[in-house]
Amino acid sequence: MPRADEHPPAAATQPAVPSKTRRKHAMQALQDLGVALVALDPGRLAELDLPERLVDAIGVARGVRAHEGRRRQLQYVGKLMRDVDPEPIHAALARWASGVPADQVLFAAAEHWRATLLADDAALDGFVAEHPAADRAALAGLVRDARSERARGGPPHRFRQLFRALKAAMETDA
Protein backbone atom coordinates (compact mmCIF):
# COMPACT_ATOMS: atom_id res chain seq x y z
CA MET A 1 0.00 0.00 0.00
CA PRO A 2 1.50 3.39 -1.00
CA ARG A 3 2.12 5.89 1.72
CA ALA A 4 0.16 9.14 1.80
CA ASP A 5 3.27 11.27 1.29
CA GLU A 6 4.30 9.40 -1.88
CA HIS A 7 1.22 10.23 -3.94
CA PRO A 8 -0.56 13.53 -3.43
CA PRO A 9 -4.33 13.34 -3.29
CA ALA A 10 -6.11 13.71 -6.63
CA ALA A 11 -7.79 16.97 -5.54
CA ALA A 12 -4.42 18.65 -4.97
CA THR A 13 -3.10 17.89 -8.46
CA GLN A 14 -6.09 19.30 -10.34
CA PRO A 15 -6.31 23.07 -10.83
CA ALA A 16 -8.97 24.77 -8.76
CA VAL A 17 -12.01 25.47 -10.92
CA PRO A 18 -13.87 28.61 -9.89
CA SER A 19 -17.40 28.08 -8.74
CA LYS A 20 -20.34 28.97 -10.94
CA THR A 21 -21.07 31.96 -8.72
CA ARG A 22 -17.52 33.29 -9.12
CA ARG A 23 -17.72 32.86 -12.89
CA LYS A 24 -21.04 34.75 -12.96
CA HIS A 25 -19.57 37.57 -10.87
CA ALA A 26 -16.59 37.78 -13.21
CA MET A 27 -18.87 37.95 -16.27
CA GLN A 28 -21.02 40.62 -14.59
CA ALA A 29 -17.89 42.64 -13.82
CA LEU A 30 -16.87 42.45 -17.49
CA GLN A 31 -20.36 43.51 -18.55
CA ASP A 32 -20.21 46.46 -16.12
CA LEU A 33 -16.87 47.43 -17.60
CA GLY A 34 -18.50 47.24 -21.04
CA VAL A 35 -21.24 49.61 -19.84
CA ALA A 36 -18.52 52.03 -18.74
CA LEU A 37 -16.94 51.76 -22.19
CA VAL A 38 -20.27 52.53 -23.86
CA ALA A 39 -20.49 55.70 -21.75
CA LEU A 40 -17.01 56.90 -22.82
CA ASP A 41 -16.62 59.53 -25.48
CA PRO A 42 -15.27 58.20 -28.80
CA GLY A 43 -11.90 59.91 -28.39
CA ARG A 44 -11.17 58.21 -25.10
CA LEU A 45 -12.43 54.90 -26.47
CA ALA A 46 -9.99 55.16 -29.38
CA GLU A 47 -7.10 55.59 -26.92
CA LEU A 48 -7.78 52.16 -25.41
CA ASP A 49 -6.78 50.20 -28.55
CA LEU A 50 -9.62 47.68 -28.30
CA PRO A 51 -10.39 44.97 -30.86
CA GLU A 52 -12.47 46.17 -33.81
CA ARG A 53 -15.37 43.80 -33.06
CA LEU A 54 -15.65 45.20 -29.53
CA VAL A 55 -15.52 48.81 -30.75
CA ASP A 56 -18.24 48.05 -33.30
CA ALA A 57 -20.42 46.40 -30.65
CA ILE A 58 -19.96 49.42 -28.37
CA GLY A 59 -20.99 51.72 -31.22
CA VAL A 60 -24.13 49.65 -31.81
CA ALA A 61 -24.93 49.68 -28.08
CA ARG A 62 -24.80 53.48 -28.10
CA GLY A 63 -27.44 53.59 -30.80
CA VAL A 64 -29.90 51.08 -29.30
CA ARG A 65 -32.68 52.82 -27.37
CA ALA A 66 -35.10 49.96 -26.69
CA HIS A 67 -34.58 48.61 -23.16
CA GLU A 68 -34.43 44.92 -24.02
CA GLY A 69 -32.36 45.47 -27.13
CA ARG A 70 -29.88 47.59 -25.20
CA ARG A 71 -29.66 44.98 -22.43
CA ARG A 72 -28.92 42.24 -24.94
CA GLN A 73 -26.34 44.37 -26.77
CA LEU A 74 -24.61 45.14 -23.46
CA GLN A 75 -24.52 41.41 -22.73
CA TYR A 76 -22.86 40.91 -26.10
CA VAL A 77 -20.32 43.62 -25.26
CA GLY A 78 -19.66 41.78 -21.99
CA LYS A 79 -19.13 38.55 -23.91
CA LEU A 80 -16.62 40.23 -26.22
CA MET A 81 -14.87 41.65 -23.16
CA ARG A 82 -13.84 38.08 -22.22
CA ASP A 83 -11.18 38.24 -24.95
CA VAL A 84 -9.70 41.50 -23.63
CA ASP A 85 -7.41 42.06 -20.66
CA PRO A 86 -9.49 44.29 -18.35
CA GLU A 87 -6.61 45.61 -16.23
CA PRO A 88 -5.35 48.27 -18.68
CA ILE A 89 -8.93 49.40 -19.20
CA HIS A 90 -9.52 49.69 -15.44
CA ALA A 91 -6.26 51.61 -15.09
CA ALA A 92 -7.16 54.04 -17.88
CA LEU A 93 -10.67 54.63 -16.50
CA ALA A 94 -9.25 55.28 -13.04
CA ARG A 95 -6.64 57.65 -14.46
CA TRP A 96 -9.28 59.59 -16.41
CA ALA A 97 -11.63 59.68 -13.43
CA SER A 98 -8.98 61.10 -11.12
CA GLY A 99 -7.60 63.50 -13.68
CA VAL A 100 -3.91 62.99 -14.20
CA PRO A 101 -2.02 65.79 -12.42
CA ALA A 102 0.36 66.18 -15.36
CA ASP A 103 -2.61 66.88 -17.63
CA GLN A 104 -3.90 69.46 -15.18
CA VAL A 105 -0.50 71.18 -15.01
CA LEU A 106 -0.25 71.25 -18.81
CA PHE A 107 -3.79 72.61 -19.07
CA ALA A 108 -3.08 75.38 -16.53
CA ALA A 109 0.20 76.28 -18.23
CA ALA A 110 -1.50 76.52 -21.63
CA GLU A 111 -4.21 78.76 -20.16
CA HIS A 112 -1.55 80.95 -18.57
CA TRP A 113 0.38 81.29 -21.81
CA ARG A 114 -2.79 82.09 -23.75
CA ALA A 115 -3.70 84.89 -21.33
CA THR A 116 -0.13 86.20 -21.40
CA LEU A 117 0.05 86.12 -25.20
CA LEU A 118 -3.25 87.97 -25.55
CA ALA A 119 -2.11 90.65 -23.09
CA ASP A 120 1.51 91.15 -24.18
CA ASP A 121 3.02 91.28 -27.69
CA ALA A 122 6.52 90.38 -26.46
CA ALA A 123 5.33 87.18 -24.76
CA LEU A 124 5.37 85.26 -28.04
CA ASP A 125 9.17 85.43 -28.16
CA GLY A 126 9.32 84.03 -24.62
CA PHE A 127 7.00 81.16 -25.49
CA VAL A 128 8.93 80.25 -28.64
CA ALA A 129 12.22 80.43 -26.70
CA GLU A 130 10.81 78.06 -24.07
CA HIS A 131 9.15 75.76 -26.64
CA PRO A 132 11.29 75.68 -29.81
CA ALA A 133 8.96 73.20 -31.57
CA ALA A 134 6.24 75.86 -31.69
CA ASP A 135 5.39 77.44 -35.04
CA ARG A 136 5.91 81.14 -34.36
CA ALA A 137 4.12 82.40 -37.46
CA ALA A 138 1.03 80.28 -36.87
CA LEU A 139 0.87 81.31 -33.21
CA ALA A 140 1.28 84.99 -34.13
CA GLY A 141 -1.64 84.70 -36.53
CA LEU A 142 -3.80 82.95 -33.93
CA VAL A 143 -2.97 85.58 -31.29
CA ARG A 144 -3.88 88.37 -33.73
CA ASP A 145 -7.13 86.65 -34.72
CA ALA A 146 -8.06 85.89 -31.10
CA ARG A 147 -7.53 89.52 -30.13
CA SER A 148 -9.71 90.79 -32.98
CA GLU A 149 -12.30 88.13 -32.18
CA ARG A 150 -12.49 89.37 -28.60
CA ALA A 151 -12.61 93.01 -29.68
CA ARG A 152 -15.62 92.46 -31.91
CA GLY A 153 -17.33 90.15 -29.39
CA GLY A 154 -17.52 87.15 -31.70
CA PRO A 155 -17.60 83.50 -30.68
CA PRO A 156 -14.25 82.31 -29.27
CA HIS A 157 -13.18 80.05 -32.13
CA ARG A 158 -9.64 81.42 -32.52
CA PHE A 159 -9.34 81.79 -28.74
CA ARG A 160 -9.90 78.04 -28.37
CA GLN A 161 -7.74 77.23 -31.37
CA LEU A 162 -4.89 79.23 -29.81
CA PHE A 163 -5.23 77.18 -26.63
CA ARG A 164 -5.10 73.90 -28.57
CA ALA A 165 -2.04 75.06 -30.52
CA LEU A 166 -0.24 76.13 -27.33
CA LYS A 167 -1.07 72.85 -25.61
CA ALA A 168 0.10 70.82 -28.62
CA ALA A 169 3.40 72.74 -28.75
CA MET A 170 3.92 72.17 -25.04
CA GLU A 171 3.13 68.44 -25.36
CA THR A 172 5.70 67.94 -28.14
CA ASP A 173 8.42 69.46 -25.96
CA ALA A 174 7.49 67.33 -22.94
C-alpha atoms as a PDB file:
ATOM      1  CA  MET A   1       0.000   0.000   0.000  1.00  0.00           C
ATOM      2  CA  PRO A   2       1.501   3.389  -1.001  1.00  0.00           C
ATOM      3  CA  ARG A   3       2.121   5.887   1.720  1.00  0.00           C
ATOM      4  CA  ALA A   4       0.156   9.140   1.804  1.00  0.00           C
ATOM      5  CA  ASP A   5       3.270  11.268   1.294  1.00  0.00           C
ATOM      6  CA  GLU A   6       4.302   9.399  -1.876  1.00  0.00           C
ATOM      7  CA  HIS A   7       1.217  10.229  -3.942  1.00  0.00           C
ATOM      8  CA  PRO A   8      -0.559  13.533  -3.428  1.00  0.00           C
ATOM      9  CA  PRO A   9      -4.328  13.342  -3.292  1.00  0.00           C
ATOM     10  CA  ALA A  10      -6.114  13.712  -6.628  1.00  0.00           C
ATOM     11  CA  ALA A  11      -7.785  16.970  -5.543  1.00  0.00           C
ATOM     12  CA  ALA A  12      -4.420  18.648  -4.969  1.00  0.00           C
ATOM     13  CA  THR A  13      -3.101  17.888  -8.462  1.00  0.00           C
ATOM     14  CA  GLN A  14      -6.095  19.300 -10.344  1.00  0.00           C
ATOM     15  CA  PRO A  15      -6.309  23.069 -10.832  1.00  0.00           C
ATOM     16  CA  ALA A  16      -8.971  24.772  -8.762  1.00  0.00           C
ATOM     17  CA  VAL A  17     -12.007  25.468 -10.921  1.00  0.00           C
ATOM     18  CA  PRO A  18     -13.868  28.611  -9.888  1.00  0.00           C
ATOM     19  CA  SER A  19     -17.399  28.078  -8.741  1.00  0.00           C
ATOM     20  CA  LYS A  20     -20.343  28.966 -10.944  1.00  0.00           C
ATOM     21  CA  THR A  21     -21.067  31.961  -8.717  1.00  0.00           C
ATOM     22  CA  ARG A  22     -17.522  33.286  -9.120  1.00  0.00           C
ATOM     23  CA  ARG A  23     -17.717  32.857 -12.895  1.00  0.00           C
ATOM     24  CA  LYS A  24     -21.037  34.745 -12.963  1.00  0.00           C
ATOM     25  CA  HIS A  25     -19.572  37.565 -10.867  1.00  0.00           C
ATOM     26  CA  ALA A  26     -16.591  37.783 -13.213  1.00  0.00           C
ATOM     27  CA  MET A  27     -18.868  37.945 -16.270  1.00  0.00           C
ATOM     28  CA  GLN A  28     -21.023  40.617 -14.592  1.00  0.00           C
ATOM     29  CA  ALA A  29     -17.886  42.638 -13.823  1.00  0.00           C
ATOM     30  CA  LEU A  30     -16.870  42.452 -17.491  1.00  0.00           C
ATOM     31  CA  GLN A  31     -20.358  43.507 -18.555  1.00  0.00           C
ATOM     32  CA  ASP A  32     -20.209  46.457 -16.117  1.00  0.00           C
ATOM     33  CA  LEU A  33     -16.871  47.431 -17.602  1.00  0.00           C
ATOM     34  CA  GLY A  34     -18.502  47.237 -21.036  1.00  0.00           C
ATOM     35  CA  VAL A  35     -21.240  49.611 -19.845  1.00  0.00           C
ATOM     36  CA  ALA A  36     -18.524  52.033 -18.743  1.00  0.00           C
ATOM     37  CA  LEU A  37     -16.937  51.762 -22.194  1.00  0.00           C
ATOM     38  CA  VAL A  38     -20.273  52.526 -23.857  1.00  0.00           C
ATOM     39  CA  ALA A  39     -20.489  55.698 -21.750  1.00  0.00           C
ATOM     40  CA  LEU A  40     -17.009  56.895 -22.824  1.00  0.00           C
ATOM     41  CA  ASP A  41     -16.622  59.534 -25.483  1.00  0.00           C
ATOM     42  CA  PRO A  42     -15.272  58.199 -28.800  1.00  0.00           C
ATOM     43  CA  GLY A  43     -11.902  59.914 -28.395  1.00  0.00           C
ATOM     44  CA  ARG A  44     -11.166  58.210 -25.101  1.00  0.00           C
ATOM     45  CA  LEU A  45     -12.434  54.905 -26.470  1.00  0.00           C
ATOM     46  CA  ALA A  46      -9.995  55.157 -29.377  1.00  0.00           C
ATOM     47  CA  GLU A  47      -7.105  55.591 -26.918  1.00  0.00           C
ATOM     48  CA  LEU A  48      -7.775  52.159 -25.413  1.00  0.00           C
ATOM     49  CA  ASP A  49      -6.780  50.205 -28.545  1.00  0.00           C
ATOM     50  CA  LEU A  50      -9.618  47.679 -28.300  1.00  0.00           C
ATOM     51  CA  PRO A  51     -10.392  44.968 -30.865  1.00  0.00           C
ATOM     52  CA  GLU A  52     -12.472  46.170 -33.807  1.00  0.00           C
ATOM     53  CA  ARG A  53     -15.367  43.799 -33.063  1.00  0.00           C
ATOM     54  CA  LEU A  54     -15.650  45.201 -29.535  1.00  0.00           C
ATOM     55  CA  VAL A  55     -15.524  48.811 -30.747  1.00  0.00           C
ATOM     56  CA  ASP A  56     -18.238  48.051 -33.303  1.00  0.00           C
ATOM     57  CA  ALA A  57     -20.422  46.401 -30.647  1.00  0.00           C
ATOM     58  CA  ILE A  58     -19.960  49.417 -28.367  1.00  0.00           C
ATOM     59  CA  GLY A  59     -20.992  51.717 -31.225  1.00  0.00           C
ATOM     60  CA  VAL A  60     -24.127  49.654 -31.812  1.00  0.00           C
ATOM     61  CA  ALA A  61     -24.929  49.685 -28.085  1.00  0.00           C
ATOM     62  CA  ARG A  62     -24.798  53.482 -28.100  1.00  0.00           C
ATOM     63  CA  GLY A  63     -27.440  53.593 -30.801  1.00  0.00           C
ATOM     64  CA  VAL A  64     -29.900  51.085 -29.303  1.00  0.00           C
ATOM     65  CA  ARG A  65     -32.681  52.821 -27.367  1.00  0.00           C
ATOM     66  CA  ALA A  66     -35.096  49.961 -26.692  1.00  0.00           C
ATOM     67  CA  HIS A  67     -34.577  48.609 -23.164  1.00  0.00           C
ATOM     68  CA  GLU A  68     -34.425  44.918 -24.021  1.00  0.00           C
ATOM     69  CA  GLY A  69     -32.356  45.471 -27.131  1.00  0.00           C
ATOM     70  CA  ARG A  70     -29.875  47.586 -25.196  1.00  0.00           C
ATOM     71  CA  ARG A  71     -29.663  44.975 -22.428  1.00  0.00           C
ATOM     72  CA  ARG A  72     -28.917  42.236 -24.942  1.00  0.00           C
ATOM     73  CA  GLN A  73     -26.339  44.369 -26.768  1.00  0.00           C
ATOM     74  CA  LEU A  74     -24.609  45.139 -23.457  1.00  0.00           C
ATOM     75  CA  GLN A  75     -24.519  41.408 -22.728  1.00  0.00           C
ATOM     76  CA  TYR A  76     -22.858  40.911 -26.099  1.00  0.00           C
ATOM     77  CA  VAL A  77     -20.323  43.619 -25.265  1.00  0.00           C
ATOM     78  CA  GLY A  78     -19.660  41.784 -21.990  1.00  0.00           C
ATOM     79  CA  LYS A  79     -19.128  38.553 -23.907  1.00  0.00           C
ATOM     80  CA  LEU A  80     -16.622  40.226 -26.219  1.00  0.00           C
ATOM     81  CA  MET A  81     -14.868  41.648 -23.161  1.00  0.00           C
ATOM     82  CA  ARG A  82     -13.838  38.081 -22.224  1.00  0.00           C
ATOM     83  CA  ASP A  83     -11.182  38.244 -24.951  1.00  0.00           C
ATOM     84  CA  VAL A  84      -9.700  41.498 -23.628  1.00  0.00           C
ATOM     85  CA  ASP A  85      -7.409  42.058 -20.656  1.00  0.00           C
ATOM     86  CA  PRO A  86      -9.490  44.285 -18.350  1.00  0.00           C
ATOM     87  CA  GLU A  87      -6.613  45.608 -16.230  1.00  0.00           C
ATOM     88  CA  PRO A  88      -5.346  48.273 -18.683  1.00  0.00           C
ATOM     89  CA  ILE A  89      -8.930  49.404 -19.196  1.00  0.00           C
ATOM     90  CA  HIS A  90      -9.522  49.692 -15.440  1.00  0.00           C
ATOM     91  CA  ALA A  91      -6.258  51.614 -15.087  1.00  0.00           C
ATOM     92  CA  ALA A  92      -7.163  54.044 -17.884  1.00  0.00           C
ATOM     93  CA  LEU A  93     -10.667  54.625 -16.497  1.00  0.00           C
ATOM     94  CA  ALA A  94      -9.250  55.282 -13.037  1.00  0.00           C
ATOM     95  CA  ARG A  95      -6.640  57.653 -14.462  1.00  0.00           C
ATOM     96  CA  TRP A  96      -9.277  59.587 -16.410  1.00  0.00           C
ATOM     97  CA  ALA A  97     -11.626  59.684 -13.434  1.00  0.00           C
ATOM     98  CA  SER A  98      -8.977  61.096 -11.121  1.00  0.00           C
ATOM     99  CA  GLY A  99      -7.599  63.499 -13.681  1.00  0.00           C
ATOM    100  CA  VAL A 100      -3.907  62.992 -14.197  1.00  0.00           C
ATOM    101  CA  PRO A 101      -2.020  65.791 -12.416  1.00  0.00           C
ATOM    102  CA  ALA A 102       0.365  66.175 -15.361  1.00  0.00           C
ATOM    103  CA  ASP A 103      -2.607  66.875 -17.630  1.00  0.00           C
ATOM    104  CA  GLN A 104      -3.896  69.457 -15.181  1.00  0.00           C
ATOM    105  CA  VAL A 105      -0.504  71.176 -15.010  1.00  0.00           C
ATOM    106  CA  LEU A 106      -0.249  71.247 -18.807  1.00  0.00           C
ATOM    107  CA  PHE A 107      -3.790  72.612 -19.073  1.00  0.00           C
ATOM    108  CA  ALA A 108      -3.081  75.378 -16.534  1.00  0.00           C
ATOM    109  CA  ALA A 109       0.202  76.285 -18.225  1.00  0.00           C
ATOM    110  CA  ALA A 110      -1.496  76.521 -21.625  1.00  0.00           C
ATOM    111  CA  GLU A 111      -4.207  78.761 -20.156  1.00  0.00           C
ATOM    112  CA  HIS A 112      -1.548  80.955 -18.566  1.00  0.00           C
ATOM    113  CA  TRP A 113       0.382  81.289 -21.815  1.00  0.00           C
ATOM    114  CA  ARG A 114      -2.791  82.088 -23.748  1.00  0.00           C
ATOM    115  CA  ALA A 115      -3.704  84.889 -21.325  1.00  0.00           C
ATOM    116  CA  THR A 116      -0.133  86.203 -21.402  1.00  0.00           C
ATOM    117  CA  LEU A 117       0.052  86.123 -25.201  1.00  0.00           C
ATOM    118  CA  LEU A 118      -3.251  87.973 -25.547  1.00  0.00           C
ATOM    119  CA  ALA A 119      -2.113  90.645 -23.091  1.00  0.00           C
ATOM    120  CA  ASP A 120       1.506  91.152 -24.185  1.00  0.00           C
ATOM    121  CA  ASP A 121       3.022  91.283 -27.694  1.00  0.00           C
ATOM    122  CA  ALA A 122       6.524  90.385 -26.462  1.00  0.00           C
ATOM    123  CA  ALA A 123       5.331  87.184 -24.760  1.00  0.00           C
ATOM    124  CA  LEU A 124       5.373  85.258 -28.036  1.00  0.00           C
ATOM    125  CA  ASP A 125       9.171  85.433 -28.161  1.00  0.00           C
ATOM    126  CA  GLY A 126       9.319  84.030 -24.621  1.00  0.00           C
ATOM    127  CA  PHE A 127       7.002  81.164 -25.493  1.00  0.00           C
ATOM    128  CA  VAL A 128       8.934  80.245 -28.642  1.00  0.00           C
ATOM    129  CA  ALA A 129      12.218  80.426 -26.695  1.00  0.00           C
ATOM    130  CA  GLU A 130      10.806  78.062 -24.075  1.00  0.00           C
ATOM    131  CA  HIS A 131       9.151  75.755 -26.643  1.00  0.00           C
ATOM    132  CA  PRO A 132      11.286  75.676 -29.811  1.00  0.00           C
ATOM    133  CA  ALA A 133       8.964  73.202 -31.568  1.00  0.00           C
ATOM    134  CA  ALA A 134       6.241  75.858 -31.691  1.00  0.00           C
ATOM    135  CA  ASP A 135       5.386  77.438 -35.039  1.00  0.00           C
ATOM    136  CA  ARG A 136       5.911  81.145 -34.362  1.00  0.00           C
ATOM    137  CA  ALA A 137       4.119  82.399 -37.462  1.00  0.00           C
ATOM    138  CA  ALA A 138       1.026  80.275 -36.867  1.00  0.00           C
ATOM    139  CA  LEU A 139       0.869  81.310 -33.209  1.00  0.00           C
ATOM    140  CA  ALA A 140       1.281  84.992 -34.127  1.00  0.00           C
ATOM    141  CA  GLY A 141      -1.643  84.704 -36.530  1.00  0.00           C
ATOM    142  CA  LEU A 142      -3.795  82.952 -33.926  1.00  0.00           C
ATOM    143  CA  VAL A 143      -2.970  85.577 -31.291  1.00  0.00           C
ATOM    144  CA  ARG A 144      -3.878  88.375 -33.729  1.00  0.00           C
ATOM    145  CA  ASP A 145      -7.130  86.646 -34.723  1.00  0.00           C
ATOM    146  CA  ALA A 146      -8.064  85.885 -31.103  1.00  0.00           C
ATOM    147  CA  ARG A 147      -7.530  89.518 -30.133  1.00  0.00           C
ATOM    148  CA  SER A 148      -9.708  90.790 -32.982  1.00  0.00           C
ATOM    149  CA  GLU A 149     -12.300  88.130 -32.179  1.00  0.00           C
ATOM    150  CA  ARG A 150     -12.486  89.371 -28.596  1.00  0.00           C
ATOM    151  CA  ALA A 151     -12.613  93.009 -29.682  1.00  0.00           C
ATOM    152  CA  ARG A 152     -15.622  92.461 -31.907  1.00  0.00           C
ATOM    153  CA  GLY A 153     -17.334  90.154 -29.388  1.00  0.00           C
ATOM    154  CA  GLY A 154     -17.517  87.151 -31.697  1.00  0.00           C
ATOM    155  CA  PRO A 155     -17.598  83.503 -30.685  1.00  0.00           C
ATOM    156  CA  PRO A 156     -14.254  82.306 -29.266  1.00  0.00           C
ATOM    157  CA  HIS A 157     -13.183  80.054 -32.128  1.00  0.00           C
ATOM    158  CA  ARG A 158      -9.636  81.418 -32.523  1.00  0.00           C
ATOM    159  CA  PHE A 159      -9.342  81.795 -28.736  1.00  0.00           C
ATOM    160  CA  ARG A 160      -9.895  78.041 -28.369  1.00  0.00           C
ATOM    161  CA  GLN A 161      -7.742  77.233 -31.374  1.00  0.00           C
ATOM    162  CA  LEU A 162      -4.892  79.229 -29.814  1.00  0.00           C
ATOM    163  CA  PHE A 163      -5.230  77.178 -26.629  1.00  0.00           C
ATOM    164  CA  ARG A 164      -5.097  73.899 -28.570  1.00  0.00           C
ATOM    165  CA  ALA A 165      -2.038  75.058 -30.517  1.00  0.00           C
ATOM    166  CA  LEU A 166      -0.239  76.127 -27.326  1.00  0.00           C
ATOM    167  CA  LYS A 167      -1.066  72.851 -25.608  1.00  0.00           C
ATOM    168  CA  ALA A 168       0.103  70.824 -28.617  1.00  0.00           C
ATOM    169  CA  ALA A 169       3.396  72.745 -28.750  1.00  0.00           C
ATOM    170  CA  MET A 170       3.921  72.167 -25.038  1.00  0.00           C
ATOM    171  CA  GLU A 171       3.133  68.437 -25.363  1.00  0.00           C
ATOM    172  CA  THR A 172       5.699  67.942 -28.139  1.00  0.00           C
ATOM    173  CA  ASP A 173       8.420  69.463 -25.961  1.00  0.00           C
ATOM    174  CA  ALA A 174       7.494  67.330 -22.940  1.00  0.00           C
END
